[in-house]
Amino acid sequence: MSVVSAVSFLKPLHMRSPVAQGRRHTLPASEFRSLSPEDAISVFEIEREGNKQYTQYTGRVSIDVFLTVLAAFISVSGECPLLLDEVRHFLTLCPELSLGWFEEGRLVAFIIGSLWDQEKLTLDALTLHMPHGMTVHIHVLAVHRTFRQQGKGSILMWRYLQYLRCLPYVRRAVLMCEDFLVPFYQKSGFKVQGPSEITVGPLTFIEMFYPVRGHAFMRRNSGC
């Protein structure tokens, strides 16, 4: 099973756009593809908007603390404080483990992941990419604020997990999230592994996993 096969899974998904007859479109209405370092600015713009809202929500600690420590905050609403350099870091080392959803050329939602080589996530997992690992650590799933409450987070996660099944070295996917997001990821097939070892001030997280290699039949019939 080759990476070429996996890339073919990310062919643009074209949908009919409600435009007037006679108007020419040069960009697909909807497209899914891996991100590149050149997309980092677009990613960061979504995150920056989320950071403002998250600061207002917490009010307990400065945003600098969250930007420094909470590099793997998982959200379906955009509150994911990754620094721009960290975004570029992962999109340079492992762009194939990211997935962006573009509508008419505009990034509306994205996932960024990297490889990890241990059973549980540690602080090192927030900044490291382990090339020989077999676990995909999903650092963030974020949706632009103007496109939320439309089911885009669930759709993007489904496509991402389908894509991971096409990568022969991936055995499972893991993430950490706050309690209120557990039901969302359970609907996507993730299972609760237990409390995360990572804490940020008063915040605690739940670690969840998805057994990618447990779907051999689906892989055989997925075209990978």
Protein backbone atom coordinates (compact mmCIF):
# COMPACT_ATOMS: atom_id res chain seq x y z
CA MET A 1 0.00 0.00 0.00
CA SER A 2 1.79 3.15 -1.15
CA VAL A 3 1.62 6.78 -0.22
CA VAL A 4 0.64 7.42 -3.83
CA SER A 5 -2.51 5.42 -3.19
CA ALA A 6 -3.15 7.50 -0.09
CA VAL A 7 -2.68 10.73 -2.01
CA SER A 8 -5.26 9.59 -4.54
CA PHE A 9 -7.75 9.44 -1.66
CA LEU A 10 -7.35 13.20 -1.26
CA LYS A 11 -8.61 14.03 -4.74
CA PRO A 12 -10.66 17.23 -4.71
CA LEU A 13 -14.32 16.76 -3.88
CA HIS A 14 -16.25 18.93 -6.32
CA MET A 15 -19.70 20.15 -5.35
CA ARG A 16 -22.13 22.28 -7.31
CA SER A 17 -21.87 25.89 -6.23
CA PRO A 18 -24.96 28.15 -6.20
CA VAL A 19 -23.70 30.67 -8.76
CA ALA A 20 -25.50 32.31 -11.60
CA GLN A 21 -25.49 30.71 -15.01
CA GLY A 22 -22.67 31.91 -17.23
CA ARG A 23 -20.24 32.72 -14.42
CA ARG A 24 -16.98 30.77 -14.70
CA HIS A 25 -15.40 29.15 -11.67
CA THR A 26 -11.65 28.60 -11.64
CA LEU A 27 -11.55 27.09 -8.14
CA PRO A 28 -13.34 23.92 -6.95
CA ALA A 29 -16.33 24.56 -4.72
CA SER A 30 -14.91 22.15 -2.14
CA GLU A 31 -11.50 20.50 -1.92
CA PHE A 32 -9.67 18.32 0.61
CA ARG A 33 -5.88 18.13 0.54
CA SER A 34 -2.80 17.91 2.72
CA LEU A 35 -1.47 21.23 3.97
CA SER A 36 1.94 22.69 3.19
CA PRO A 37 4.12 25.27 4.99
CA GLU A 38 2.66 27.85 2.61
CA ASP A 39 -0.75 27.24 4.24
CA ALA A 40 0.60 28.09 7.71
CA ILE A 41 -0.66 31.68 7.62
CA SER A 42 -4.21 30.56 6.80
CA VAL A 43 -4.05 27.99 9.59
CA PHE A 44 -2.78 30.57 12.05
CA GLU A 45 -5.54 33.03 11.15
CA ILE A 46 -8.15 30.47 12.18
CA GLU A 47 -6.24 29.77 15.40
CA ARG A 48 -5.74 33.45 16.25
CA GLU A 49 -9.48 34.07 16.14
CA GLY A 50 -9.98 31.08 18.42
CA ASN A 51 -7.29 32.31 20.80
CA LYS A 52 -9.18 35.58 21.38
CA GLN A 53 -12.35 33.70 22.25
CA TYR A 54 -10.52 31.20 24.44
CA THR A 55 -8.87 34.00 26.44
CA GLN A 56 -12.28 35.55 27.05
CA TYR A 57 -13.63 32.16 28.06
CA THR A 58 -10.96 31.31 30.62
CA GLY A 59 -10.02 34.66 32.10
CA ARG A 60 -7.87 32.72 34.56
CA VAL A 61 -4.44 32.75 32.96
CA SER A 62 -2.71 34.79 30.30
CA ILE A 63 -2.83 33.70 26.67
CA ASP A 64 0.97 33.46 26.73
CA VAL A 65 0.69 30.51 29.12
CA PHE A 66 -1.70 28.71 26.80
CA LEU A 67 0.34 29.49 23.70
CA THR A 68 3.44 28.06 25.36
CA VAL A 69 2.08 24.99 27.09
CA LEU A 70 -1.22 24.06 25.47
CA ALA A 71 0.19 23.29 22.04
CA ALA A 72 -2.10 20.29 21.55
CA PHE A 73 -5.45 21.73 22.63
CA ILE A 74 -8.11 19.92 20.62
CA SER A 75 -11.24 21.74 19.55
CA VAL A 76 -13.95 21.56 16.94
CA SER A 77 -14.59 25.28 17.23
CA GLY A 78 -11.19 26.76 16.52
CA GLU A 79 -9.61 27.37 19.95
CA CYS A 80 -6.23 25.82 19.25
CA PRO A 81 -3.27 27.93 20.38
CA LEU A 82 -0.46 26.64 18.19
CA LEU A 83 2.23 29.20 17.51
CA LEU A 84 2.88 30.05 13.87
CA ASP A 85 6.36 28.53 14.10
CA GLU A 86 4.84 25.32 15.49
CA VAL A 87 2.36 25.18 12.63
CA ARG A 88 5.20 25.55 10.13
CA HIS A 89 7.24 22.98 12.11
CA PHE A 90 4.67 20.22 11.67
CA LEU A 91 3.68 21.16 8.12
CA THR A 92 7.35 20.97 7.14
CA LEU A 93 8.19 17.68 8.90
CA CYS A 94 5.00 15.74 8.20
CA PRO A 95 2.61 17.54 5.84
CA GLU A 96 1.14 14.18 4.82
CA LEU A 97 -0.40 13.90 8.31
CA SER A 98 -2.43 17.07 7.87
CA LEU A 99 -5.68 17.66 6.04
CA GLY A 100 -7.30 20.92 5.04
CA TRP A 101 -10.80 21.62 3.79
CA PHE A 102 -10.89 24.44 1.24
CA GLU A 103 -13.97 26.10 -0.18
CA GLU A 104 -13.34 28.16 -3.30
CA GLY A 105 -9.68 28.36 -2.31
CA ARG A 106 -10.32 29.44 1.28
CA LEU A 107 -9.26 27.25 4.22
CA VAL A 108 -12.33 26.60 6.38
CA ALA A 109 -11.20 23.68 8.55
CA PHE A 110 -8.08 21.63 9.15
CA ILE A 111 -6.39 18.82 11.08
CA ILE A 112 -2.70 18.72 11.95
CA GLY A 113 -1.03 15.51 13.14
CA SER A 114 2.41 14.01 13.70
CA LEU A 115 3.84 10.58 14.52
CA TRP A 116 4.35 9.41 18.09
CA ASP A 117 6.12 6.27 19.36
CA GLN A 118 4.74 5.65 22.87
CA GLU A 119 1.53 4.25 24.32
CA LYS A 120 0.61 7.46 26.14
CA LEU A 121 1.05 11.10 25.23
CA THR A 122 3.63 13.12 27.17
CA LEU A 123 4.69 16.77 27.04
CA ASP A 124 7.24 15.82 24.38
CA ALA A 125 4.39 14.72 22.11
CA LEU A 126 3.19 18.32 21.90
CA THR A 127 6.22 19.46 19.91
CA LEU A 128 7.95 16.35 18.52
CA HIS A 129 7.46 14.30 15.37
CA MET A 130 8.83 10.76 15.73
CA PRO A 131 9.41 9.53 12.12
CA HIS A 132 9.47 5.85 13.08
CA GLY A 133 6.34 5.99 15.22
CA MET A 134 3.19 4.10 14.30
CA THR A 135 0.73 6.31 16.19
CA VAL A 136 -0.67 9.51 14.70
CA HIS A 137 -1.02 12.19 17.35
CA ILE A 138 -3.80 14.55 16.27
CA HIS A 139 -2.70 17.91 17.58
CA VAL A 140 -5.66 19.93 16.50
CA LEU A 141 -8.96 19.87 14.65
CA ALA A 142 -10.22 23.40 14.05
CA VAL A 143 -13.05 24.99 12.07
CA HIS A 144 -13.20 28.66 11.05
CA ARG A 145 -15.70 30.52 13.22
CA THR A 146 -17.95 31.44 10.27
CA PHE A 147 -18.31 27.77 9.27
CA ARG A 148 -19.10 26.21 12.64
CA GLN A 149 -22.28 24.38 13.60
CA GLN A 150 -22.43 22.90 10.07
CA GLY A 151 -21.03 19.45 10.78
CA LYS A 152 -17.73 20.23 9.08
CA GLY A 153 -15.64 18.98 12.02
CA SER A 154 -17.24 15.53 11.85
CA ILE A 155 -16.91 15.31 8.07
CA LEU A 156 -13.26 16.34 8.12
CA MET A 157 -12.41 13.87 10.88
CA TRP A 158 -14.13 11.05 8.98
CA ARG A 159 -12.13 11.79 5.84
CA TYR A 160 -8.92 12.06 7.84
CA LEU A 161 -9.42 8.65 9.49
CA GLN A 162 -10.23 7.11 6.10
CA TYR A 163 -7.01 8.59 4.77
CA LEU A 164 -4.97 7.18 7.68
CA ARG A 165 -6.16 3.67 6.75
CA CYS A 166 -4.26 4.12 3.47
CA LEU A 167 -0.94 4.71 5.26
CA PRO A 168 0.64 1.27 5.91
CA TYR A 169 2.78 2.41 8.86
CA VAL A 170 -0.09 3.83 10.93
CA ARG A 171 -1.53 1.59 13.64
CA ARG A 172 -3.72 4.00 15.59
CA ALA A 173 -4.59 7.66 16.16
CA VAL A 174 -4.61 9.42 19.54
CA LEU A 175 -5.67 12.82 20.84
CA MET A 176 -6.34 14.66 24.09
CA CYS A 177 -9.39 16.81 24.75
CA GLU A 178 -11.50 18.31 27.50
CA ASP A 179 -14.43 16.35 28.93
CA PHE A 180 -17.10 18.19 26.98
CA LEU A 181 -15.54 17.10 23.65
CA VAL A 182 -15.45 13.39 24.47
CA PRO A 183 -18.92 12.66 22.97
CA PHE A 184 -17.93 14.37 19.70
CA TYR A 185 -14.88 12.16 19.22
CA GLN A 186 -16.75 9.05 20.37
CA LYS A 187 -19.17 9.63 17.49
CA SER A 188 -16.14 9.55 15.18
CA GLY A 189 -15.11 6.16 16.58
CA PHE A 190 -12.57 7.18 19.22
CA LYS A 191 -12.44 5.30 22.51
CA VAL A 192 -11.53 6.72 25.93
CA GLN A 193 -8.10 5.59 27.08
CA GLY A 194 -8.18 7.47 30.39
CA PRO A 195 -6.99 10.72 31.96
CA SER A 196 -4.10 12.37 30.14
CA GLU A 197 -0.79 12.83 31.94
CA ILE A 198 -0.73 16.36 30.56
CA THR A 199 -2.37 19.13 32.58
CA VAL A 200 -2.39 22.91 32.20
CA GLY A 201 -3.05 24.74 35.44
CA PRO A 202 -6.55 23.68 36.54
CA LEU A 203 -7.35 22.08 33.18
CA THR A 204 -7.25 18.31 32.79
CA PHE A 205 -7.73 16.27 29.62
CA ILE A 206 -9.00 12.90 28.47
CA GLU A 207 -6.83 10.82 26.15
CA MET A 208 -8.64 9.00 23.37
CA PHE A 209 -7.55 6.55 20.66
CA TYR A 210 -8.77 5.18 17.35
CA PRO A 211 -7.58 1.70 16.21
CA VAL A 212 -6.68 2.40 12.57
CA ARG A 213 -5.35 -1.12 11.91
CA GLY A 214 -8.55 -2.66 13.27
CA HIS A 215 -10.34 -1.99 10.00
CA ALA A 216 -8.62 -4.36 7.57
CA PHE A 217 -11.82 -5.23 5.71
CA MET A 218 -12.65 -1.58 5.17
CA ARG A 219 -9.12 -0.92 3.92
CA ARG A 220 -9.36 -3.74 1.39
CA ASN A 221 -12.48 -2.16 0.01
CA SER A 222 -11.40 1.49 0.19
CA GLY A 223 -9.23 1.57 -2.92
CA CYS A 224 -6.03 2.13 -0.92
